[in-house]
Protein backbone atom coordinates (compact mmCIF):
# COMPACT_ATOMS: atom_id res chain seq x y z
CA MET A 1 -30.50 -72.68 127.18
CA SER A 2 -32.43 -69.69 128.45
CA GLU A 3 -30.89 -66.86 130.33
CA GLN A 4 -31.17 -67.01 134.10
CA ILE A 5 -31.21 -64.12 136.55
CA THR A 6 -31.32 -64.24 140.35
CA VAL A 7 -34.15 -62.23 142.10
CA GLY A 8 -35.75 -62.14 145.47
CA VAL A 9 -39.14 -63.23 146.18
CA GLY A 10 -41.76 -60.70 144.96
CA ALA A 11 -39.66 -59.26 142.20
CA GLY A 12 -41.48 -57.45 139.37
CA ALA A 13 -42.54 -58.70 136.08
CA LYS A 14 -39.84 -56.89 134.13
CA TYR A 15 -38.04 -60.25 134.03
CA LEU A 16 -40.67 -62.00 132.08
CA GLY A 17 -39.08 -64.14 129.28
CA VAL A 18 -36.16 -65.44 131.23
CA ASP A 19 -35.77 -67.93 133.85
CA ARG A 20 -35.57 -66.63 137.51
CA VAL A 21 -33.59 -68.18 140.42
CA ILE A 22 -35.60 -67.36 143.57
CA ASP A 23 -34.49 -67.73 147.22
CA LEU A 24 -37.34 -68.98 149.30
CA GLY A 25 -36.41 -68.41 152.89
CA PRO A 26 -34.44 -68.95 155.08
CA LEU A 27 -37.20 -67.51 157.32
CA HIS A 28 -40.50 -68.86 156.10
CA PRO A 29 -43.67 -69.48 158.13
CA SER A 30 -44.34 -72.92 156.87
CA ALA A 31 -40.90 -74.30 157.85
CA HIS A 32 -40.02 -75.87 161.25
CA GLY A 33 -36.74 -73.99 161.38
CA ALA A 34 -34.56 -71.90 159.05
CA TYR A 35 -33.66 -73.44 155.75
CA ARG A 36 -33.72 -71.95 152.28
CA LEU A 37 -35.15 -73.31 148.88
CA ARG A 38 -33.19 -72.13 145.79
CA LEU A 39 -35.69 -72.35 143.01
CA THR A 40 -35.12 -71.98 139.29
CA VAL A 41 -38.50 -70.80 137.81
CA THR A 42 -39.58 -70.54 134.15
CA PRO A 43 -41.45 -67.46 132.80
CA GLU A 44 -44.66 -69.72 132.97
CA LEU A 45 -43.88 -70.09 136.89
CA VAL A 46 -42.89 -73.73 136.73
CA ILE A 47 -39.99 -74.92 138.91
CA THR A 48 -37.25 -76.61 136.90
CA LYS A 49 -34.74 -76.94 139.51
CA ALA A 50 -34.76 -76.93 143.39
CA GLU A 51 -31.81 -76.87 145.77
CA PRO A 52 -32.35 -77.02 149.54
CA LEU A 53 -29.80 -75.03 151.47
CA VAL A 54 -29.26 -75.71 155.13
CA GLY A 55 -26.83 -74.97 157.76
CA HIS A 56 -28.46 -71.87 159.22
CA LEU A 57 -28.77 -73.25 162.89
CA HIS A 58 -25.21 -74.45 163.47
CA ARG A 59 -26.40 -76.48 166.35
CA GLY A 60 -23.30 -78.70 166.66
CA ALA A 61 -24.99 -81.31 168.94
CA GLU A 62 -22.87 -84.11 168.15
CA LYS A 63 -19.59 -82.38 169.53
CA LEU A 64 -21.51 -81.28 172.54
CA PHE A 65 -22.22 -85.00 173.26
CA GLU A 66 -18.60 -85.62 173.58
CA VAL A 67 -17.96 -83.41 176.50
CA ARG A 68 -21.05 -84.59 178.71
CA ASP A 69 -21.68 -87.92 180.50
CA TYR A 70 -24.33 -90.33 179.31
CA ARG A 71 -26.95 -88.94 181.57
CA GLN A 72 -26.38 -85.40 180.26
CA VAL A 73 -26.30 -86.48 176.63
CA LEU A 74 -29.93 -87.56 176.91
CA THR A 75 -30.99 -83.88 177.61
CA LEU A 76 -29.26 -82.78 174.36
CA ALA A 77 -30.41 -85.83 172.37
CA ASN A 78 -34.03 -84.73 173.28
CA ARG A 79 -33.84 -81.58 171.19
CA HIS A 80 -32.62 -81.98 167.54
CA ASP A 81 -36.13 -83.01 166.45
CA TRP A 82 -38.33 -80.99 168.89
CA LEU A 83 -41.39 -82.95 167.82
CA SER A 84 -39.93 -86.39 168.39
CA ALA A 85 -38.17 -85.72 171.65
CA PHE A 86 -39.05 -89.13 173.26
CA CYS A 87 -37.78 -91.07 170.46
CA ASN A 88 -34.56 -89.11 170.32
CA GLU A 89 -33.81 -89.93 174.07
CA LEU A 90 -34.75 -93.49 173.39
CA ALA A 91 -32.31 -94.15 170.54
CA VAL A 92 -29.29 -92.89 172.62
CA ALA A 93 -30.47 -94.67 175.86
CA LEU A 94 -30.55 -97.92 173.70
CA ALA A 95 -27.07 -97.40 172.56
CA VAL A 96 -25.75 -97.16 176.13
CA GLU A 97 -27.93 -100.05 177.27
CA ARG A 98 -26.61 -102.41 174.53
CA MET A 99 -22.95 -101.58 175.09
CA THR A 100 -23.20 -102.18 178.95
CA GLY A 101 -25.45 -105.23 178.52
CA MET A 102 -28.31 -103.80 180.58
CA ASP A 103 -31.56 -105.87 180.82
CA VAL A 104 -34.31 -103.12 180.93
CA PRO A 105 -37.42 -104.18 182.74
CA ALA A 106 -40.32 -105.31 180.77
CA ARG A 107 -42.68 -102.66 181.99
CA ALA A 108 -40.25 -100.11 180.93
CA GLN A 109 -40.08 -101.66 177.40
CA TRP A 110 -43.79 -101.59 177.00
CA LEU A 111 -44.08 -98.00 178.22
CA ARG A 112 -41.36 -96.97 175.88
CA ALA A 113 -43.42 -98.51 173.00
CA LEU A 114 -46.53 -96.77 174.18
CA LEU A 115 -44.99 -93.42 174.57
CA CYS A 116 -43.21 -93.76 171.14
CA GLU A 117 -46.63 -94.15 169.59
CA LEU A 118 -48.11 -91.21 171.51
CA ASN A 119 -45.18 -89.07 170.41
CA ARG A 120 -45.70 -90.15 166.77
CA LEU A 121 -49.37 -89.35 166.92
CA MET A 122 -48.58 -85.89 168.31
CA ALA A 123 -45.88 -85.19 165.75
CA HIS A 124 -48.19 -86.20 162.79
CA MET A 125 -51.00 -84.09 164.09
CA VAL A 126 -48.54 -80.99 164.07
CA PHE A 127 -47.99 -81.51 160.32
CA LEU A 128 -51.53 -82.25 159.51
CA THR A 129 -52.87 -79.07 161.24
CA PRO A 130 -52.20 -76.75 158.29
CA LEU A 131 -54.32 -79.00 156.13
CA ALA A 132 -56.92 -79.90 158.80
CA PRO A 133 -57.26 -77.35 161.73
CA ASN A 134 -59.17 -79.94 163.74
CA ALA A 135 -55.90 -81.88 164.18
CA ALA A 136 -54.69 -79.21 166.59
CA MET A 137 -57.22 -80.51 169.18
CA HIS A 138 -55.80 -84.10 169.12
CA ARG A 139 -52.34 -82.60 169.16
CA GLU A 140 -53.17 -80.77 172.36
CA GLY A 141 -54.81 -83.77 173.80
CA VAL A 142 -52.00 -86.16 173.38
CA GLN A 143 -49.44 -83.39 174.28
CA ALA A 144 -51.14 -83.04 177.68
CA LEU A 145 -50.82 -86.74 178.23
CA MET A 146 -47.14 -86.67 177.48
CA GLU A 147 -46.71 -83.70 179.90
CA GLU A 148 -48.53 -85.45 182.66
CA ALA A 149 -46.35 -88.60 182.44
CA SER A 150 -42.98 -86.84 181.99
CA GLY A 151 -43.60 -83.33 183.44
CA GLY A 152 -42.19 -81.70 180.17
CA ARG A 153 -44.39 -80.36 177.60
CA ILE A 154 -41.97 -80.19 174.66
CA HIS A 155 -38.56 -81.67 176.02
CA PHE A 156 -39.91 -84.77 177.87
CA MET A 157 -36.67 -86.03 179.40
CA PHE A 158 -38.48 -89.20 180.50
CA ASN A 159 -36.01 -91.86 179.34
CA ARG A 160 -33.09 -92.87 181.44
CA ILE A 161 -30.27 -95.21 180.87
CA GLY A 162 -31.89 -98.57 182.05
CA GLY A 163 -35.50 -97.60 181.54
CA LEU A 164 -37.68 -94.61 182.59
CA ARG A 165 -37.18 -91.89 185.04
CA GLU A 166 -40.28 -93.11 186.95
CA ASP A 167 -43.57 -94.78 186.53
CA VAL A 168 -46.60 -93.03 184.94
CA PRO A 169 -49.00 -91.47 187.44
CA ALA A 170 -52.01 -93.23 188.83
CA GLY A 171 -54.93 -93.31 186.43
CA TRP A 172 -52.88 -92.15 183.56
CA THR A 173 -53.28 -95.32 181.33
CA GLY A 174 -57.03 -94.88 181.74
CA ARG A 175 -56.86 -91.33 180.49
CA VAL A 176 -54.80 -92.55 177.54
CA ALA A 177 -57.35 -95.11 176.69
CA GLU A 178 -60.19 -92.32 176.93
CA PHE A 179 -58.14 -90.01 174.71
CA LEU A 180 -57.39 -92.67 172.09
CA SER A 181 -61.27 -93.36 171.76
CA THR A 182 -61.82 -89.71 170.64
CA VAL A 183 -59.11 -89.69 167.69
CA ASP A 184 -61.17 -89.74 164.47
CA THR A 185 -59.07 -89.11 161.30
CA GLU A 186 -62.10 -89.26 158.96
CA ALA A 187 -63.50 -86.21 160.80
CA LEU A 188 -60.22 -84.06 159.81
CA GLY A 189 -61.78 -83.28 156.49
CA ILE A 190 -58.65 -83.12 154.38
CA ASP A 191 -59.06 -82.30 150.77
CA PHE A 192 -56.87 -84.89 149.16
CA GLY A 193 -58.04 -84.16 145.71
CA ARG A 194 -56.15 -80.81 145.37
CA LEU A 195 -52.93 -82.70 146.32
CA GLU A 196 -53.06 -85.57 143.87
CA GLY A 197 -50.35 -85.64 141.27
CA LEU A 198 -48.38 -82.97 142.94
CA GLY A 199 -44.73 -83.24 143.81
CA VAL A 200 -44.17 -86.94 142.89
CA LEU A 201 -41.12 -88.62 144.45
CA PRO A 202 -40.40 -91.80 142.54
CA LYS A 203 -39.41 -94.85 144.64
CA GLU A 204 -35.86 -95.01 143.08
CA ASP A 205 -35.14 -91.38 144.00
CA ALA A 206 -36.50 -91.99 147.49
CA GLU A 207 -34.17 -94.91 147.97
CA ALA A 208 -31.19 -93.10 146.39
CA PHE A 209 -31.59 -90.28 148.76
CA GLY A 210 -32.06 -92.71 151.83
CA VAL A 211 -35.62 -91.31 152.51
CA THR A 212 -37.44 -93.08 155.34
CA GLY A 213 -40.47 -92.69 157.47
CA PRO A 214 -44.03 -91.83 155.98
CA ILE A 215 -42.43 -89.81 153.06
CA GLY A 216 -40.49 -92.88 151.86
CA ARG A 217 -43.37 -95.28 152.44
CA ALA A 218 -45.63 -93.01 150.41
CA SER A 219 -43.21 -93.65 147.50
CA GLY A 220 -43.16 -97.39 147.91
CA VAL A 221 -40.14 -97.72 150.22
CA ASP A 222 -41.29 -100.79 152.17
CA PHE A 223 -39.20 -100.22 155.35
CA ASP A 224 -40.30 -99.58 158.90
CA LEU A 225 -38.11 -100.51 161.98
CA ARG A 226 -41.26 -101.31 164.02
CA ARG A 227 -41.21 -104.47 161.78
CA ASP A 228 -37.70 -104.76 160.32
CA ASP A 229 -35.68 -104.18 163.53
CA PRO A 230 -38.37 -104.05 166.38
CA LEU A 231 -37.82 -103.19 169.97
CA PRO A 232 -38.99 -106.14 172.34
CA ALA A 233 -42.60 -104.77 172.75
CA TYR A 234 -43.00 -104.44 168.90
CA GLU A 235 -41.90 -108.00 168.36
CA THR A 236 -44.96 -109.06 170.29
CA LEU A 237 -47.18 -106.47 168.60
CA GLY A 238 -46.44 -107.74 165.10
CA PHE A 239 -46.74 -104.47 163.30
CA THR A 240 -47.40 -104.21 159.47
CA PRO A 241 -46.29 -100.84 157.91
CA ILE A 242 -48.49 -98.87 155.55
CA ILE A 243 -47.07 -98.56 152.12
CA ARG A 244 -48.25 -96.40 149.21
CA HIS A 245 -46.92 -96.25 145.66
CA GLU A 246 -48.22 -92.91 144.11
CA GLY A 247 -45.32 -90.82 145.79
CA ASP A 248 -47.39 -87.65 145.38
CA ALA A 249 -48.42 -85.07 147.95
CA ALA A 250 -51.75 -86.89 148.55
CA ALA A 251 -49.92 -90.04 149.25
CA ARG A 252 -47.68 -88.46 151.83
CA VAL A 253 -50.55 -86.99 153.66
CA ARG A 254 -52.48 -90.09 153.51
CA CYS A 255 -49.70 -91.93 155.09
CA LEU A 256 -49.59 -89.38 157.87
CA VAL A 257 -53.38 -90.04 158.51
CA ASP A 258 -53.09 -93.73 158.15
CA GLU A 259 -50.20 -93.84 160.56
CA VAL A 260 -52.18 -91.87 163.11
CA ASP A 261 -54.78 -94.63 163.03
CA ALA A 262 -51.99 -97.31 163.24
CA SER A 263 -50.46 -95.55 166.21
CA VAL A 264 -53.83 -95.37 168.06
CA GLU A 265 -54.29 -99.18 167.46
CA LEU A 266 -50.71 -99.92 168.66
CA ALA A 267 -51.10 -97.71 171.82
CA ARG A 268 -54.25 -99.59 172.73
CA ARG A 269 -52.63 -102.87 172.37
CA CYS A 270 -49.76 -101.66 174.54
CA LEU A 271 -52.12 -100.70 177.19
CA GLU A 272 -53.79 -104.10 176.99
CA ASN A 273 -50.29 -105.79 177.41
CA LEU A 274 -48.87 -103.45 179.93
CA PRO A 275 -47.09 -105.59 182.60
CA GLY A 276 -46.40 -104.56 186.20
CA GLY A 277 -43.01 -104.13 187.89
CA ALA A 278 -40.13 -101.79 187.96
CA VAL A 279 -39.43 -99.22 185.20
CA ASN A 280 -35.75 -98.66 185.76
CA LEU A 281 -32.54 -100.29 187.08
CA ARG A 282 -30.40 -99.08 189.93
CA LEU A 283 -27.23 -97.72 188.49
CA PRO A 284 -23.84 -96.44 189.71
CA LYS A 285 -23.21 -92.82 190.06
CA ALA A 286 -21.04 -92.76 186.94
CA ILE A 287 -22.04 -94.76 183.88
CA LYS A 288 -19.03 -95.92 181.79
CA ALA A 289 -19.73 -97.78 178.51
CA PRO A 290 -17.07 -100.31 177.78
CA GLU A 291 -14.53 -99.81 174.95
CA GLY A 292 -16.02 -100.37 171.41
CA SER A 293 -18.90 -99.13 169.24
CA VAL A 294 -22.49 -99.84 168.70
CA TYR A 295 -25.17 -98.60 166.37
CA THR A 296 -28.90 -98.37 167.46
CA ARG A 297 -31.89 -97.12 165.66
CA VAL A 298 -35.54 -96.52 166.28
CA GLU A 299 -38.60 -95.62 164.04
CA ALA A 300 -39.14 -91.95 164.86
CA PRO A 301 -42.18 -90.09 163.52
CA LEU A 302 -40.25 -88.83 160.42
CA GLY A 303 -38.20 -91.92 159.77
CA THR A 304 -35.10 -93.67 160.90
CA SER A 305 -33.24 -92.13 163.86
CA GLY A 306 -29.99 -93.79 164.42
CA VAL A 307 -27.04 -93.40 166.94
CA HIS A 308 -23.50 -94.57 166.28
CA LEU A 309 -21.72 -94.55 169.66
CA SER A 310 -17.97 -95.05 170.03
CA SER A 311 -16.50 -95.31 173.44
CA ARG A 312 -13.10 -95.47 174.95
CA GLY A 313 -14.30 -96.87 178.36
CA GLU A 314 -14.80 -93.38 179.83
CA LYS A 315 -17.97 -91.67 181.16
CA THR A 316 -18.37 -89.54 178.24
CA PRO A 317 -18.63 -90.81 174.53
CA TRP A 318 -15.61 -90.61 172.28
CA ARG A 319 -17.89 -90.11 169.35
CA LEU A 320 -21.66 -90.01 169.15
CA LYS A 321 -23.01 -89.59 165.60
CA LEU A 322 -26.59 -89.07 164.65
CA ARG A 323 -28.41 -90.48 161.61
CA THR A 324 -31.55 -88.19 161.53
CA PRO A 325 -34.39 -88.70 159.10
CA SER A 326 -34.86 -84.95 158.11
CA PHE A 327 -31.12 -84.75 157.02
CA ASN A 328 -31.75 -87.34 154.25
CA ASN A 329 -35.45 -86.49 153.54
CA VAL A 330 -34.90 -82.79 152.82
CA GLN A 331 -32.51 -83.61 150.07
CA ALA A 332 -35.35 -85.37 148.13
CA LEU A 333 -37.02 -81.95 147.42
CA SER A 334 -34.38 -81.48 144.60
CA ALA A 335 -35.90 -84.61 142.96
CA LEU A 336 -39.69 -83.91 143.64
CA LEU A 337 -40.09 -80.20 143.17
CA PRO A 338 -39.04 -79.78 139.38
CA GLY A 339 -42.16 -79.72 137.32
CA THR A 340 -44.26 -78.20 140.04
CA GLU A 341 -46.08 -75.01 139.38
CA VAL A 342 -45.39 -72.19 141.88
CA ASP A 343 -48.98 -72.02 142.74
CA ASP A 344 -48.80 -75.62 143.90
CA LEU A 345 -45.75 -75.20 146.04
CA PRO A 346 -47.49 -74.60 149.34
CA GLY A 347 -49.55 -77.82 148.85
CA VAL A 348 -46.38 -79.85 148.12
CA LEU A 349 -44.38 -78.36 151.06
CA SER A 350 -47.26 -79.01 153.35
CA SER A 351 -46.96 -82.62 152.58
CA PHE A 352 -43.25 -82.79 153.08
CA ALA A 353 -42.56 -82.94 156.88
CA VAL A 354 -39.05 -81.97 158.00
CA ILE A 355 -37.61 -80.45 161.16
CA VAL A 356 -34.66 -78.29 160.51
CA GLY A 357 -32.96 -78.91 163.87
CA ASP A 358 -32.98 -82.62 162.75
CA ILE A 359 -30.89 -81.51 159.61
CA ASP A 360 -28.47 -79.00 161.36
CA LYS A 361 -27.64 -81.37 164.02
């Protein structure tokens, strides 16, 4: 066993001949939030061990939920993954609606599916922008549409218990259709060749860590809640997930690109099937979920976003536990980084989308 020493990033060459333990982070410009990667690197600059270290944000969202009523909980649920705000809200709203037996209007169900796909398109474009600067243009376009509908640019706060806050503005659906016609993933110009074979995550490791979303599907994990546990609108749409089996950085990026195309198609079909009518229910001033528990989940941009709600019949939850995709996904870095050369690390990490607020929930 070779000798190991711990050094900071940028330490000199006097340690050649021994393995080095390097802390990358916790403040790193390529990361959505503060987390550290503790890397063991050989003298030939090959990573032999990787340990993701989280817990820097100390958000404590789950405990904050317990002292707020269900309407207020949506405001916090919106924030742990700041690129998937609409989907986060929806997962909590679904939990309360199922516990109380609410029948959400059909127009709200279809608008929720449409807005989920727009939210997914926006989030994927954020992660594709470092690899394809043109993606920023599409991100800005869809973000403007989300802002027009909800009034919020980042924290949308558009879901309500029983539906949506209000209907979308007049002419909005036409502007959505016009924007969707401009999305061209072939024009992004991503160089997949330099990513092929890097950071391979085998299917068995992805399943062992509970990896979901495009990262899991790039490794052959055939699981997508839009097909496997669909919301009412998705049952009609008949979605088929995109599965790849290479498990490398190129496959992960290709999954993001292909899912953008899939979201464009799903959003178009939502517009075609969008019914009229109300978008919410008239509710009492205080919402009280009956005593019991329920688990709901949605397919957020990065994977399975679940909510386990336990109630004692009061207007605040007794317990509200989040199952967030980034919490599971980031642990897979310990399986896919060993064997990667340090020079290839930026390419591998650029293909591995996580939101740190979703980890330190």
